[in-house]
Amino acid sequence: MAVISTIILAASLLAPFTMAAPAYTHTATEIDWVTVEETVTVWLDSASATSTPVVAAETTTAVATTTTTTPVVVAQATYTASSSVETTAAAVTSVAVSSYAAAASSSPSPVASSSSSAVAAAASSSAGSVKANAVTASTTADCEGDSAACVGDVTHWDGGLGACGWNVDTNSDMEIALPYEFMGTLSNTNPYCGRSVTLYNPTSGTTVQATVGDKCMGCVDRAIDCTDALFNAITDGTGDGRVSGIEWWLN
């Protein structure tokens, strides 16, 4: 019994020292290495003759972490776009415009069309070639087409109300009066009235289109009467009231 009491006493004396012993906390530190790759783009100046190499920067950042989770902070670099982009675009546009201007200036200038001259030449020569394939004009032919052309004297009259039933203006209308024997006795509804006629002057090569508008009572064979306007046109203004050798045919 005395032994137990001694043990209890000893334990009670040692207990305060045991509880007063300091407690130590150990913190473990771990280091993780994070590699962040950054690419830097360098814009070339349009005026520079040499290119600048593109530098790829590799940054290694040491991040200290503890047993608790710590967010990794990565530095963000802010880059300002170089104004050389606009300069380069402007330079490219300028070069394109200059090239286009040079191409335009080197292209041959359009030559004025000679179609007007060609038309004029064709018009002047068509009169002479209109009867190239026609037979010789006759004073007895039926005058149907240029292959059966008629020829005779050409005179002119004052116009007025004609055998075809309408007024003929001698100063402006291009009309003829056919020989009465050729045209026949029928008037107004005569089938020749209104027919298109071609007159050809072999001396000058002049060709004029006209219309049958009257009947000539004094014309013999294949002679015809013309309005003043038509007479001046087919004789080129040189007629003195009667011109021989004028050919004509019904179209």
C-alpha atoms as a PDB file:
ATOM      1  CA  MET A   1       0.000   0.000   0.000  1.00  0.00           C
ATOM      2  CA  ALA A   2       2.845   2.270   0.819  1.00  0.00           C
ATOM      3  CA  VAL A   3       4.403   1.438  -2.546  1.00  0.00           C
ATOM      4  CA  ILE A   4       1.320   2.469  -4.458  1.00  0.00           C
ATOM      5  CA  SER A   5       1.145   5.707  -2.595  1.00  0.00           C
ATOM      6  CA  THR A   6       4.732   6.429  -3.468  1.00  0.00           C
ATOM      7  CA  ILE A   7       4.120   5.810  -7.144  1.00  0.00           C
ATOM      8  CA  ILE A   8       1.091   8.043  -7.179  1.00  0.00           C
ATOM      9  CA  LEU A   9       3.009  10.785  -5.468  1.00  0.00           C
ATOM     10  CA  ALA A  10       5.833  10.557  -7.922  1.00  0.00           C
ATOM     11  CA  ALA A  11       3.459  10.657 -10.866  1.00  0.00           C
ATOM     12  CA  SER A  12       1.720  13.697  -9.535  1.00  0.00           C
ATOM     13  CA  LEU A  13       4.995  15.504  -9.185  1.00  0.00           C
ATOM     14  CA  LEU A  14       6.115  14.702 -12.728  1.00  0.00           C
ATOM     15  CA  ALA A  15       2.820  15.558 -14.412  1.00  0.00           C
ATOM     16  CA  PRO A  16       3.268  19.395 -14.488  1.00  0.00           C
ATOM     17  CA  PHE A  17       6.665  19.075 -16.123  1.00  0.00           C
ATOM     18  CA  THR A  18       5.291  16.755 -18.722  1.00  0.00           C
ATOM     19  CA  MET A  19       2.369  19.049 -19.644  1.00  0.00           C
ATOM     20  CA  ALA A  20       4.572  22.114 -19.746  1.00  0.00           C
ATOM     21  CA  ALA A  21       6.786  20.674 -22.441  1.00  0.00           C
ATOM     22  CA  PRO A  22       6.614  22.937 -25.573  1.00  0.00           C
ATOM     23  CA  ALA A  23       4.956  21.587 -28.746  1.00  0.00           C
ATOM     24  CA  TYR A  24       6.806  22.223 -32.050  1.00  0.00           C
ATOM     25  CA  THR A  25       4.985  22.491 -35.492  1.00  0.00           C
ATOM     26  CA  HIS A  26       7.020  21.731 -38.622  1.00  0.00           C
ATOM     27  CA  THR A  27       5.954  23.369 -41.920  1.00  0.00           C
ATOM     28  CA  ALA A  28       6.971  21.561 -45.105  1.00  0.00           C
ATOM     29  CA  THR A  29       7.693  23.816 -48.087  1.00  0.00           C
ATOM     30  CA  GLU A  30       7.530  22.459 -51.632  1.00  0.00           C
ATOM     31  CA  ILE A  31       8.724  24.356 -54.729  1.00  0.00           C
ATOM     32  CA  ASP A  32       7.051  23.694 -58.094  1.00  0.00           C
ATOM     33  CA  TRP A  33       8.642  25.050 -61.290  1.00  0.00           C
ATOM     34  CA  VAL A  34       6.159  26.299 -63.885  1.00  0.00           C
ATOM     35  CA  THR A  35       7.388  27.106 -67.395  1.00  0.00           C
ATOM     36  CA  VAL A  36       5.383  29.779 -69.283  1.00  0.00           C
ATOM     37  CA  GLU A  37       6.120  30.329 -72.979  1.00  0.00           C
ATOM     38  CA  GLU A  38       5.546  33.811 -74.375  1.00  0.00           C
ATOM     39  CA  THR A  39       5.677  34.668 -78.095  1.00  0.00           C
ATOM     40  CA  VAL A  40       6.472  38.233 -79.083  1.00  0.00           C
ATOM     41  CA  THR A  41       5.617  39.356 -82.648  1.00  0.00           C
ATOM     42  CA  VAL A  42       7.770  42.150 -84.011  1.00  0.00           C
ATOM     43  CA  TRP A  43       6.211  44.195 -86.858  1.00  0.00           C
ATOM     44  CA  LEU A  44       8.569  45.212 -89.612  1.00  0.00           C
ATOM     45  CA  ASP A  45       8.816  48.862 -90.496  1.00  0.00           C
ATOM     46  CA  SER A  46       7.960  49.450 -94.193  1.00  0.00           C
ATOM     47  CA  ALA A  47      11.057  51.627 -94.610  1.00  0.00           C
ATOM     48  CA  SER A  48      13.397  48.981 -93.226  1.00  0.00           C
ATOM     49  CA  ALA A  49      15.310  47.029 -95.823  1.00  0.00           C
ATOM     50  CA  THR A  50      16.185  44.108 -93.441  1.00  0.00           C
ATOM     51  CA  SER A  51      13.832  41.909 -91.529  1.00  0.00           C
ATOM     52  CA  THR A  52      13.950  41.683 -87.718  1.00  0.00           C
ATOM     53  CA  PRO A  53      14.026  38.120 -86.366  1.00  0.00           C
ATOM     54  CA  VAL A  54      11.088  37.073 -84.266  1.00  0.00           C
ATOM     55  CA  VAL A  55      12.219  36.383 -80.705  1.00  0.00           C
ATOM     56  CA  ALA A  56      10.428  33.740 -78.744  1.00  0.00           C
ATOM     57  CA  ALA A  57      10.933  34.469 -75.058  1.00  0.00           C
ATOM     58  CA  GLU A  58      10.914  31.576 -72.627  1.00  0.00           C
ATOM     59  CA  THR A  59      10.330  32.598 -69.008  1.00  0.00           C
ATOM     60  CA  THR A  60      10.804  30.273 -66.084  1.00  0.00           C
ATOM     61  CA  THR A  61       8.938  31.312 -62.944  1.00  0.00           C
ATOM     62  CA  ALA A  62       9.507  29.711 -59.592  1.00  0.00           C
ATOM     63  CA  VAL A  63       6.308  29.390 -57.577  1.00  0.00           C
ATOM     64  CA  ALA A  64       6.561  28.683 -53.904  1.00  0.00           C
ATOM     65  CA  THR A  65       3.792  26.520 -52.524  1.00  0.00           C
ATOM     66  CA  THR A  66       3.047  25.286 -49.047  1.00  0.00           C
ATOM     67  CA  THR A  67       0.945  22.453 -47.838  1.00  0.00           C
ATOM     68  CA  THR A  68      -2.032  24.688 -48.495  1.00  0.00           C
ATOM     69  CA  THR A  69      -3.087  25.339 -52.091  1.00  0.00           C
ATOM     70  CA  THR A  70      -1.679  28.622 -53.391  1.00  0.00           C
ATOM     71  CA  PRO A  71      -2.878  29.975 -56.794  1.00  0.00           C
ATOM     72  CA  VAL A  72      -0.151  30.344 -59.362  1.00  0.00           C
ATOM     73  CA  VAL A  73       0.105  33.939 -60.538  1.00  0.00           C
ATOM     74  CA  VAL A  74       1.409  34.321 -64.074  1.00  0.00           C
ATOM     75  CA  ALA A  75       2.505  37.744 -65.115  1.00  0.00           C
ATOM     76  CA  GLN A  76       0.577  39.019 -68.137  1.00  0.00           C
ATOM     77  CA  ALA A  77       2.533  41.131 -70.533  1.00  0.00           C
ATOM     78  CA  THR A  78       0.688  43.925 -72.323  1.00  0.00           C
ATOM     79  CA  TYR A  79       1.805  44.654 -75.850  1.00  0.00           C
ATOM     80  CA  THR A  80       0.932  47.747 -77.812  1.00  0.00           C
ATOM     81  CA  ALA A  81       0.385  47.195 -81.525  1.00  0.00           C
ATOM     82  CA  SER A  82       2.957  49.000 -83.541  1.00  0.00           C
ATOM     83  CA  SER A  83       1.720  51.740 -85.795  1.00  0.00           C
ATOM     84  CA  SER A  84       3.928  50.296 -88.501  1.00  0.00           C
ATOM     85  CA  VAL A  85       0.980  48.090 -89.495  1.00  0.00           C
ATOM     86  CA  GLU A  86      -0.893  51.110 -90.791  1.00  0.00           C
ATOM     87  CA  THR A  87       2.308  52.392 -92.341  1.00  0.00           C
ATOM     88  CA  THR A  88       2.850  49.070 -94.109  1.00  0.00           C
ATOM     89  CA  ALA A  89      -0.757  49.023 -95.390  1.00  0.00           C
ATOM     90  CA  ALA A  90      -0.397  52.557 -96.671  1.00  0.00           C
ATOM     91  CA  ALA A  91       2.875  51.653 -98.353  1.00  0.00           C
ATOM     92  CA  VAL A  92       1.317  48.614-100.031  1.00  0.00           C
ATOM     93  CA  THR A  93      -1.632  50.714-101.243  1.00  0.00           C
ATOM     94  CA  SER A  94       0.750  53.340-102.544  1.00  0.00           C
ATOM     95  CA  VAL A  95       2.773  50.738-104.414  1.00  0.00           C
ATOM     96  CA  ALA A  96      -0.401  49.219-105.904  1.00  0.00           C
ATOM     97  CA  VAL A  97      -1.670  52.608-107.048  1.00  0.00           C
ATOM     98  CA  SER A  98       1.721  53.505-108.499  1.00  0.00           C
ATOM     99  CA  SER A  99       1.893  50.192-110.354  1.00  0.00           C
ATOM    100  CA  TYR A 100      -1.620  50.668-111.740  1.00  0.00           C
ATOM    101  CA  ALA A 101      -0.801  54.208-112.844  1.00  0.00           C
ATOM    102  CA  ALA A 102       2.364  52.999-114.541  1.00  0.00           C
ATOM    103  CA  ALA A 103       0.454  50.228-116.313  1.00  0.00           C
ATOM    104  CA  ALA A 104      -2.214  52.676-117.414  1.00  0.00           C
ATOM    105  CA  SER A 105       0.356  55.130-118.715  1.00  0.00           C
ATOM    106  CA  SER A 106       2.212  52.403-120.608  1.00  0.00           C
ATOM    107  CA  SER A 107      -0.934  51.036-122.286  1.00  0.00           C
ATOM    108  CA  PRO A 108      -1.487  52.246-125.837  1.00  0.00           C
ATOM    109  CA  SER A 109      -3.911  55.093-126.256  1.00  0.00           C
ATOM    110  CA  PRO A 110      -7.125  54.205-128.055  1.00  0.00           C
ATOM    111  CA  VAL A 111      -7.046  55.069-131.698  1.00  0.00           C
ATOM    112  CA  ALA A 112      -9.990  57.005-133.009  1.00  0.00           C
ATOM    113  CA  SER A 113     -12.274  54.740-134.943  1.00  0.00           C
ATOM    114  CA  SER A 114     -12.204  55.167-138.650  1.00  0.00           C
ATOM    115  CA  SER A 115     -15.720  53.779-139.018  1.00  0.00           C
ATOM    116  CA  SER A 116     -17.076  57.207-139.928  1.00  0.00           C
ATOM    117  CA  SER A 117     -14.540  57.510-142.730  1.00  0.00           C
ATOM    118  CA  ALA A 118     -15.288  53.960-143.814  1.00  0.00           C
ATOM    119  CA  VAL A 119     -19.013  54.665-143.875  1.00  0.00           C
ATOM    120  CA  ALA A 120     -18.445  57.857-145.808  1.00  0.00           C
ATOM    121  CA  ALA A 121     -16.228  56.026-148.286  1.00  0.00           C
ATOM    122  CA  ALA A 122     -18.782  53.235-148.614  1.00  0.00           C
ATOM    123  CA  ALA A 123     -21.572  55.753-149.143  1.00  0.00           C
ATOM    124  CA  SER A 124     -19.604  57.539-151.830  1.00  0.00           C
ATOM    125  CA  SER A 125     -18.737  54.308-153.614  1.00  0.00           C
ATOM    126  CA  SER A 126     -22.092  52.551-153.187  1.00  0.00           C
ATOM    127  CA  ALA A 127     -23.713  54.701-155.836  1.00  0.00           C
ATOM    128  CA  GLY A 128     -21.196  53.566-158.397  1.00  0.00           C
ATOM    129  CA  SER A 129     -21.472  49.879-157.439  1.00  0.00           C
ATOM    130  CA  VAL A 130     -25.256  49.640-157.123  1.00  0.00           C
ATOM    131  CA  LYS A 131     -25.625  48.392-160.714  1.00  0.00           C
ATOM    132  CA  ALA A 132     -22.361  46.461-160.946  1.00  0.00           C
ATOM    133  CA  ASN A 133     -24.222  43.247-161.820  1.00  0.00           C
ATOM    134  CA  ALA A 134     -27.071  44.857-163.771  1.00  0.00           C
ATOM    135  CA  VAL A 135     -27.598  44.498-167.483  1.00  0.00           C
ATOM    136  CA  THR A 136     -27.622  47.503-169.778  1.00  0.00           C
ATOM    137  CA  ALA A 137     -30.616  49.756-169.130  1.00  0.00           C
ATOM    138  CA  SER A 138     -33.284  49.741-171.814  1.00  0.00           C
ATOM    139  CA  THR A 139     -36.037  52.039-173.091  1.00  0.00           C
ATOM    140  CA  THR A 140     -38.391  49.083-173.467  1.00  0.00           C
ATOM    141  CA  ALA A 141     -37.754  46.985-170.310  1.00  0.00           C
ATOM    142  CA  ASP A 142     -40.428  46.338-167.684  1.00  0.00           C
ATOM    143  CA  CYS A 143     -38.267  48.185-165.106  1.00  0.00           C
ATOM    144  CA  GLU A 144     -38.787  45.524-162.409  1.00  0.00           C
ATOM    145  CA  GLY A 145     -35.520  45.385-160.481  1.00  0.00           C
ATOM    146  CA  ASP A 146     -32.040  46.626-161.398  1.00  0.00           C
ATOM    147  CA  SER A 147     -31.516  43.700-163.774  1.00  0.00           C
ATOM    148  CA  ALA A 148     -34.310  45.138-165.946  1.00  0.00           C
ATOM    149  CA  ALA A 149     -33.445  48.808-165.463  1.00  0.00           C
ATOM    150  CA  CYS A 150     -35.028  51.418-167.698  1.00  0.00           C
ATOM    151  CA  VAL A 151     -33.410  54.579-169.060  1.00  0.00           C
ATOM    152  CA  GLY A 152     -34.788  57.804-170.472  1.00  0.00           C
ATOM    153  CA  ASP A 153     -34.990  61.551-170.132  1.00  0.00           C
ATOM    154  CA  VAL A 154     -35.713  63.059-166.740  1.00  0.00           C
ATOM    155  CA  THR A 155     -37.724  66.250-166.356  1.00  0.00           C
ATOM    156  CA  HIS A 156     -39.480  67.860-163.386  1.00  0.00           C
ATOM    157  CA  TRP A 157     -42.966  69.164-162.635  1.00  0.00           C
ATOM    158  CA  ASP A 158     -44.652  71.423-160.090  1.00  0.00           C
ATOM    159  CA  GLY A 159     -46.414  68.699-158.151  1.00  0.00           C
ATOM    160  CA  GLY A 160     -49.922  69.135-156.756  1.00  0.00           C
ATOM    161  CA  LEU A 161     -52.837  66.696-156.801  1.00  0.00           C
ATOM    162  CA  GLY A 162     -51.700  63.740-158.892  1.00  0.00           C
ATOM    163  CA  ALA A 163     -53.229  60.701-160.565  1.00  0.00           C
ATOM    164  CA  CYS A 164     -52.545  58.614-157.456  1.00  0.00           C
ATOM    165  CA  GLY A 165     -54.964  60.727-155.432  1.00  0.00           C
ATOM    166  CA  TRP A 166     -52.669  62.687-153.122  1.00  0.00           C
ATOM    167  CA  ASN A 167     -50.951  66.052-153.176  1.00  0.00           C
ATOM    168  CA  VAL A 168     -47.290  66.032-154.164  1.00  0.00           C
ATOM    169  CA  ASP A 169     -44.978  68.722-152.741  1.00  0.00           C
ATOM    170  CA  THR A 170     -42.413  69.342-155.469  1.00  0.00           C
ATOM    171  CA  ASN A 171     -40.056  71.137-153.067  1.00  0.00           C
ATOM    172  CA  SER A 172     -39.717  68.337-150.533  1.00  0.00           C
ATOM    173  CA  ASP A 173     -41.223  65.059-151.774  1.00  0.00           C
ATOM    174  CA  MET A 174     -39.012  62.549-153.579  1.00  0.00           C
ATOM    175  CA  GLU A 175     -41.623  61.341-156.090  1.00  0.00           C
ATOM    176  CA  ILE A 176     -41.833  60.540-159.787  1.00  0.00           C
ATOM    177  CA  ALA A 177     -44.567  60.443-162.417  1.00  0.00           C
ATOM    178  CA  LEU A 178     -44.432  57.357-164.647  1.00  0.00           C
ATOM    179  CA  PRO A 179     -45.080  57.482-168.425  1.00  0.00           C
ATOM    180  CA  TYR A 180     -48.824  57.225-169.056  1.00  0.00           C
ATOM    181  CA  GLU A 181     -48.417  54.392-171.597  1.00  0.00           C
ATOM    182  CA  PHE A 182     -46.329  52.428-169.088  1.00  0.00           C
ATOM    183  CA  MET A 183     -48.621  53.144-166.126  1.00  0.00           C
ATOM    184  CA  GLY A 184     -51.917  52.617-167.928  1.00  0.00           C
ATOM    185  CA  THR A 185     -55.203  54.480-167.786  1.00  0.00           C
ATOM    186  CA  LEU A 186     -56.122  53.499-164.216  1.00  0.00           C
ATOM    187  CA  SER A 187     -55.653  56.262-161.642  1.00  0.00           C
ATOM    188  CA  ASN A 188     -55.944  56.498-157.828  1.00  0.00           C
ATOM    189  CA  THR A 189     -56.012  52.722-157.357  1.00  0.00           C
ATOM    190  CA  ASN A 190     -53.269  52.130-159.906  1.00  0.00           C
ATOM    191  CA  PRO A 191     -50.952  49.348-158.651  1.00  0.00           C
ATOM    192  CA  TYR A 192     -47.875  51.436-159.461  1.00  0.00           C
ATOM    193  CA  CYS A 193     -48.943  54.210-157.058  1.00  0.00           C
ATOM    194  CA  GLY A 194     -46.737  54.224-153.985  1.00  0.00           C
ATOM    195  CA  ARG A 195     -44.157  51.825-155.452  1.00  0.00           C
ATOM    196  CA  SER A 196     -40.555  52.399-154.372  1.00  0.00           C
ATOM    197  CA  VAL A 197     -38.218  53.439-157.175  1.00  0.00           C
ATOM    198  CA  THR A 198     -34.423  53.701-157.423  1.00  0.00           C
ATOM    199  CA  LEU A 199     -32.899  56.372-159.684  1.00  0.00           C
ATOM    200  CA  TYR A 200     -29.256  56.055-160.755  1.00  0.00           C
ATOM    201  CA  ASN A 201     -27.071  58.649-162.441  1.00  0.00           C
ATOM    202  CA  PRO A 202     -24.282  56.748-164.256  1.00  0.00           C
ATOM    203  CA  THR A 203     -22.341  59.952-164.859  1.00  0.00           C
ATOM    204  CA  SER A 204     -21.908  60.917-161.190  1.00  0.00           C
ATOM    205  CA  GLY A 205     -22.772  57.599-159.541  1.00  0.00           C
ATOM    206  CA  THR A 206     -25.556  59.236-157.528  1.00  0.00           C
ATOM    207  CA  THR A 207     -28.384  56.963-156.373  1.00  0.00           C
ATOM    208  CA  VAL A 208     -31.668  58.312-154.982  1.00  0.00           C
ATOM    209  CA  GLN A 209     -34.749  56.535-153.623  1.00  0.00           C
ATOM    210  CA  ALA A 210     -38.189  57.827-154.630  1.00  0.00           C
ATOM    211  CA  THR A 211     -41.879  56.881-154.768  1.00  0.00           C
ATOM    212  CA  VAL A 212     -44.383  56.734-157.634  1.00  0.00           C
ATOM    213  CA  GLY A 213     -46.881  59.539-156.996  1.00  0.00           C
ATOM    214  CA  ASP A 214     -48.317  60.607-160.366  1.00  0.00           C
ATOM    215  CA  LYS A 215     -48.688  59.887-164.076  1.00  0.00           C
ATOM    216  CA  CYS A 216     -46.783  61.811-166.760  1.00  0.00           C
ATOM    217  CA  MET A 217     -48.937  62.438-169.816  1.00  0.00           C
ATOM    218  CA  GLY A 218     -46.096  63.916-171.881  1.00  0.00           C
ATOM    219  CA  CYS A 219     -43.441  61.277-171.154  1.00  0.00           C
ATOM    220  CA  VAL A 220     -42.619  58.797-173.937  1.00  0.00           C
ATOM    221  CA  ASP A 221     -40.856  55.439-173.815  1.00  0.00           C
ATOM    222  CA  ARG A 222     -39.196  55.263-170.330  1.00  0.00           C
ATOM    223  CA  ALA A 223     -38.833  58.987-169.651  1.00  0.00           C
ATOM    224  CA  ILE A 224     -40.064  60.097-166.208  1.00  0.00           C
ATOM    225  CA  ASP A 225     -41.065  63.319-164.492  1.00  0.00           C
ATOM    226  CA  CYS A 226     -39.583  64.211-161.084  1.00  0.00           C
ATOM    227  CA  THR A 227     -40.366  66.666-158.347  1.00  0.00           C
ATOM    228  CA  ASP A 228     -37.973  69.594-158.099  1.00  0.00           C
ATOM    229  CA  ALA A 229     -36.378  68.100-154.991  1.00  0.00           C
ATOM    230  CA  LEU A 230     -35.802  64.742-156.708  1.00  0.00           C
ATOM    231  CA  PHE A 231     -34.602  66.318-159.958  1.00  0.00           C
ATOM    232  CA  ASN A 232     -31.966  68.378-158.133  1.00  0.00           C
ATOM    233  CA  ALA A 233     -30.839  65.328-156.152  1.00  0.00           C
ATOM    234  CA  ILE A 234     -30.425  62.924-159.088  1.00  0.00           C
ATOM    235  CA  THR A 235     -28.738  65.510-161.327  1.00  0.00           C
ATOM    236  CA  ASP A 236     -26.539  66.809-158.497  1.00  0.00           C
ATOM    237  CA  GLY A 237     -27.986  70.273-159.066  1.00  0.00           C
ATOM    238  CA  THR A 238     -26.585  70.509-162.600  1.00  0.00           C
ATOM    239  CA  GLY A 239     -29.754  69.838-164.593  1.00  0.00           C
ATOM    240  CA  ASP A 240     -31.221  72.550-166.796  1.00  0.00           C
ATOM    241  CA  GLY A 241     -34.756  71.136-166.988  1.00  0.00           C
ATOM    242  CA  ARG A 242     -34.054  67.920-168.871  1.00  0.00           C
ATOM    243  CA  VAL A 243     -31.329  65.357-168.364  1.00  0.00           C
ATOM    244  CA  SER A 244     -30.804  62.245-170.474  1.00  0.00           C
ATOM    245  CA  GLY A 245     -29.347  58.876-169.513  1.00  0.00           C
ATOM    246  CA  ILE A 246     -30.841  58.587-166.019  1.00  0.00           C
ATOM    247  CA  GLU A 247     -31.573  54.943-165.171  1.00  0.00           C
ATOM    248  CA  TRP A 248     -34.379  53.819-162.888  1.00  0.00           C
ATOM    249  CA  TRP A 249     -36.126  50.649-161.745  1.00  0.00           C
ATOM    250  CA  LEU A 250     -38.941  49.581-159.481  1.00  0.00           C
ATOM    251  CA  ASN A 251     -37.762  48.000-156.220  1.00  0.00           C
END
